[in-house]
Amino acid sequence: MMDTIKLNKRTTPNGKLLIEYQTSFLDKEIEVVLKINKVDKSSKPDFSDLIGQLEWSNDALVSQKEIRSEWD
């Protein structure tokens, strides 16, 4: 079993990173892999891969009434 976590944390003024994480591993040897990246606050998130357009050929009002009639 492997847990994956992603955290955005702020270091202390002296540069220390403090992380506390509860695992499901009780009294076990575990391997922890830590990758540290500096967060660039000036860049905005890129959502271009989520942009799209819905193509709807039916009448939206008729379709909505059909769906609502299924609830009765």
N, C-alpha and C. Protein backbone atom coordinates (compact mmCIF):
# COMPACT_ATOMS: atom_id res chain seq x y z
N MET A 1 0.84 -1.18 0.00
CA MET A 1 0.00 0.00 0.00
C MET A 1 0.88 1.24 0.00
N MET A 2 0.45 2.26 -0.76
CA MET A 2 1.23 3.48 -0.82
C MET A 2 0.30 4.68 -0.68
N ASP A 3 0.65 5.61 0.17
CA ASP A 3 -0.08 6.87 0.31
C ASP A 3 0.66 7.94 -0.46
N THR A 4 -0.07 8.79 -1.16
CA THR A 4 0.52 9.93 -1.84
C THR A 4 -0.13 11.18 -1.29
N ILE A 5 0.68 12.12 -0.86
CA ILE A 5 0.15 13.39 -0.35
C ILE A 5 0.84 14.53 -1.06
N LYS A 6 0.13 15.64 -1.19
CA LYS A 6 0.73 16.85 -1.75
C LYS A 6 0.35 17.99 -0.82
N LEU A 7 1.33 18.69 -0.33
CA LEU A 7 1.11 19.77 0.62
C LEU A 7 1.77 21.05 0.13
N ASN A 8 1.14 22.16 0.39
CA ASN A 8 1.79 23.45 0.24
C ASN A 8 2.01 23.96 1.66
N LYS A 9 3.24 24.10 2.06
CA LYS A 9 3.58 24.51 3.42
C LYS A 9 4.51 25.71 3.35
N ARG A 10 4.53 26.49 4.42
CA ARG A 10 5.46 27.60 4.56
C ARG A 10 6.55 27.18 5.54
N THR A 11 7.78 27.48 5.19
CA THR A 11 8.88 27.17 6.08
C THR A 11 8.93 28.19 7.21
N THR A 12 9.57 27.82 8.29
CA THR A 12 9.75 28.74 9.40
C THR A 12 10.77 29.81 9.01
N PRO A 13 10.85 30.91 9.74
CA PRO A 13 11.82 31.96 9.39
C PRO A 13 13.27 31.47 9.32
N ASN A 14 13.59 30.38 10.01
CA ASN A 14 14.96 29.85 9.92
C ASN A 14 15.10 28.73 8.89
N GLY A 15 14.05 28.54 8.04
CA GLY A 15 14.17 27.60 6.93
C GLY A 15 13.73 26.18 7.21
N LYS A 16 13.19 25.92 8.38
CA LYS A 16 12.76 24.56 8.70
C LYS A 16 11.38 24.27 8.13
N LEU A 17 11.19 23.05 7.67
CA LEU A 17 9.90 22.58 7.19
C LEU A 17 9.38 21.58 8.20
N LEU A 18 8.19 21.85 8.73
CA LEU A 18 7.60 20.97 9.74
C LEU A 18 6.40 20.26 9.13
N ILE A 19 6.43 18.93 9.13
CA ILE A 19 5.35 18.14 8.57
C ILE A 19 4.97 17.07 9.59
N GLU A 20 3.67 16.97 9.85
CA GLU A 20 3.16 15.90 10.68
C GLU A 20 2.05 15.22 9.91
N TYR A 21 2.12 13.91 9.74
CA TYR A 21 1.16 13.18 8.91
C TYR A 21 0.84 11.85 9.57
N GLN A 22 -0.44 11.58 9.76
CA GLN A 22 -0.89 10.32 10.34
C GLN A 22 -0.94 9.26 9.25
N THR A 23 -0.27 8.15 9.45
CA THR A 23 -0.29 7.07 8.48
C THR A 23 -1.11 5.90 9.01
N SER A 24 -1.37 4.96 8.15
CA SER A 24 -2.06 3.73 8.55
C SER A 24 -1.06 2.65 8.94
N PHE A 25 0.23 2.96 8.86
CA PHE A 25 1.29 1.99 9.17
C PHE A 25 1.63 2.07 10.64
N LEU A 26 1.33 1.03 11.37
CA LEU A 26 1.61 1.00 12.80
C LEU A 26 2.85 0.16 13.06
N ASP A 27 3.85 0.77 13.66
CA ASP A 27 5.08 0.08 14.04
C ASP A 27 5.70 -0.67 12.85
N LYS A 28 5.84 0.04 11.72
CA LYS A 28 6.38 -0.55 10.49
C LYS A 28 7.53 0.30 9.97
N GLU A 29 8.44 -0.33 9.26
CA GLU A 29 9.47 0.39 8.52
C GLU A 29 8.82 0.95 7.26
N ILE A 30 9.01 2.23 6.99
CA ILE A 30 8.43 2.83 5.80
C ILE A 30 9.49 3.63 5.07
N GLU A 31 9.26 3.87 3.79
CA GLU A 31 10.12 4.71 2.98
C GLU A 31 9.38 6.00 2.70
N VAL A 32 10.03 7.13 2.91
CA VAL A 32 9.43 8.44 2.65
C VAL A 32 10.26 9.11 1.57
N VAL A 33 9.59 9.55 0.50
CA VAL A 33 10.24 10.27 -0.59
C VAL A 33 9.72 11.70 -0.54
N LEU A 34 10.62 12.65 -0.44
CA LEU A 34 10.24 14.05 -0.31
C LEU A 34 10.84 14.84 -1.45
N LYS A 35 9.97 15.54 -2.20
CA LYS A 35 10.42 16.38 -3.29
C LYS A 35 10.00 17.80 -2.95
N ILE A 36 10.93 18.73 -2.95
CA ILE A 36 10.64 20.11 -2.56
C ILE A 36 10.79 21.01 -3.76
N ASN A 37 9.72 21.76 -4.07
CA ASN A 37 9.73 22.75 -5.14
C ASN A 37 9.34 24.10 -4.57
N LYS A 38 9.99 25.14 -5.03
CA LYS A 38 9.60 26.48 -4.64
C LYS A 38 8.32 26.84 -5.40
N VAL A 39 7.34 27.41 -4.69
CA VAL A 39 6.07 27.80 -5.30
C VAL A 39 6.21 29.22 -5.81
N ASP A 40 5.91 29.40 -7.09
CA ASP A 40 5.96 30.72 -7.70
C ASP A 40 4.57 31.32 -7.59
N LYS A 41 4.38 32.24 -6.67
CA LYS A 41 3.07 32.84 -6.43
C LYS A 41 2.62 33.74 -7.57
N SER A 42 3.55 34.21 -8.40
CA SER A 42 3.18 35.15 -9.45
C SER A 42 2.52 34.45 -10.64
N SER A 43 2.74 33.16 -10.80
CA SER A 43 2.14 32.48 -11.94
C SER A 43 0.73 32.00 -11.60
N LYS A 44 -0.16 32.11 -12.55
CA LYS A 44 -1.54 31.67 -12.36
C LYS A 44 -1.65 30.22 -12.82
N PRO A 45 -2.58 29.46 -12.22
CA PRO A 45 -2.75 28.06 -12.64
C PRO A 45 -3.19 27.98 -14.10
N ASP A 46 -2.73 26.94 -14.77
CA ASP A 46 -3.07 26.74 -16.18
C ASP A 46 -4.21 25.73 -16.26
N PHE A 47 -5.39 26.20 -16.65
CA PHE A 47 -6.56 25.34 -16.78
C PHE A 47 -6.91 25.09 -18.24
N SER A 48 -5.98 25.33 -19.13
CA SER A 48 -6.26 25.21 -20.56
C SER A 48 -6.67 23.79 -20.96
N ASP A 49 -6.20 22.78 -20.22
CA ASP A 49 -6.58 21.41 -20.56
C ASP A 49 -8.01 21.08 -20.12
N LEU A 50 -8.65 21.97 -19.34
CA LEU A 50 -10.00 21.74 -18.88
C LEU A 50 -11.04 22.52 -19.68
N ILE A 51 -10.58 23.38 -20.58
CA ILE A 51 -11.48 24.22 -21.34
C ILE A 51 -12.10 23.40 -22.47
N GLY A 52 -13.39 23.57 -22.64
CA GLY A 52 -14.07 22.85 -23.70
C GLY A 52 -15.41 23.48 -23.99
N GLN A 53 -16.15 22.86 -24.85
CA GLN A 53 -17.45 23.38 -25.21
C GLN A 53 -18.40 22.21 -25.37
N LEU A 54 -19.57 22.35 -24.79
CA LEU A 54 -20.59 21.32 -24.90
C LEU A 54 -21.39 21.56 -26.18
N GLU A 55 -21.50 20.52 -26.98
CA GLU A 55 -22.31 20.63 -28.19
C GLU A 55 -23.63 19.94 -27.91
N TRP A 56 -24.73 20.69 -28.00
CA TRP A 56 -26.05 20.17 -27.69
C TRP A 56 -26.96 20.43 -28.87
N SER A 57 -27.45 19.38 -29.49
CA SER A 57 -28.28 19.55 -30.69
C SER A 57 -29.77 19.55 -30.37
N ASN A 58 -30.14 19.13 -29.15
CA ASN A 58 -31.56 19.07 -28.77
C ASN A 58 -32.01 20.40 -28.17
N ASP A 59 -33.32 20.53 -28.00
CA ASP A 59 -33.88 21.69 -27.32
C ASP A 59 -33.65 21.52 -25.82
N ALA A 60 -32.95 22.46 -25.21
CA ALA A 60 -32.56 22.34 -23.80
C ALA A 60 -33.78 22.29 -22.88
N LEU A 61 -34.81 23.08 -23.16
CA LEU A 61 -35.99 23.10 -22.31
C LEU A 61 -36.74 21.77 -22.36
N VAL A 62 -36.86 21.20 -23.54
CA VAL A 62 -37.53 19.91 -23.69
C VAL A 62 -36.74 18.83 -22.94
N SER A 63 -35.44 18.84 -23.08
CA SER A 63 -34.60 17.85 -22.40
C SER A 63 -34.72 17.97 -20.89
N GLN A 64 -34.77 19.21 -20.39
CA GLN A 64 -34.90 19.43 -18.95
C GLN A 64 -36.24 18.89 -18.45
N LYS A 65 -37.31 19.13 -19.18
CA LYS A 65 -38.62 18.63 -18.79
C LYS A 65 -38.66 17.11 -18.79
N GLU A 66 -37.97 16.48 -19.75
CA GLU A 66 -37.92 15.01 -19.79
C GLU A 66 -37.22 14.46 -18.57
N ILE A 67 -36.11 15.10 -18.19
CA ILE A 67 -35.37 14.63 -17.01
C ILE A 67 -36.20 14.80 -15.75
N ARG A 68 -36.88 15.95 -15.64
CA ARG A 68 -37.71 16.19 -14.45
C ARG A 68 -38.88 15.22 -14.37
N SER A 69 -39.42 14.81 -15.51
CA SER A 69 -40.55 13.88 -15.48
C SER A 69 -40.11 12.51 -14.97
N GLU A 70 -38.82 12.19 -15.05
CA GLU A 70 -38.31 10.91 -14.52
C GLU A 70 -38.38 10.88 -13.00
N TRP A 71 -38.40 12.03 -12.35
CA TRP A 71 -38.42 12.09 -10.88
C TRP A 71 -39.79 11.78 -10.32
N ASP A 72 -40.83 11.95 -11.15
CA ASP A 72 -42.22 11.75 -10.64
C ASP A 72 -42.60 10.29 -10.64
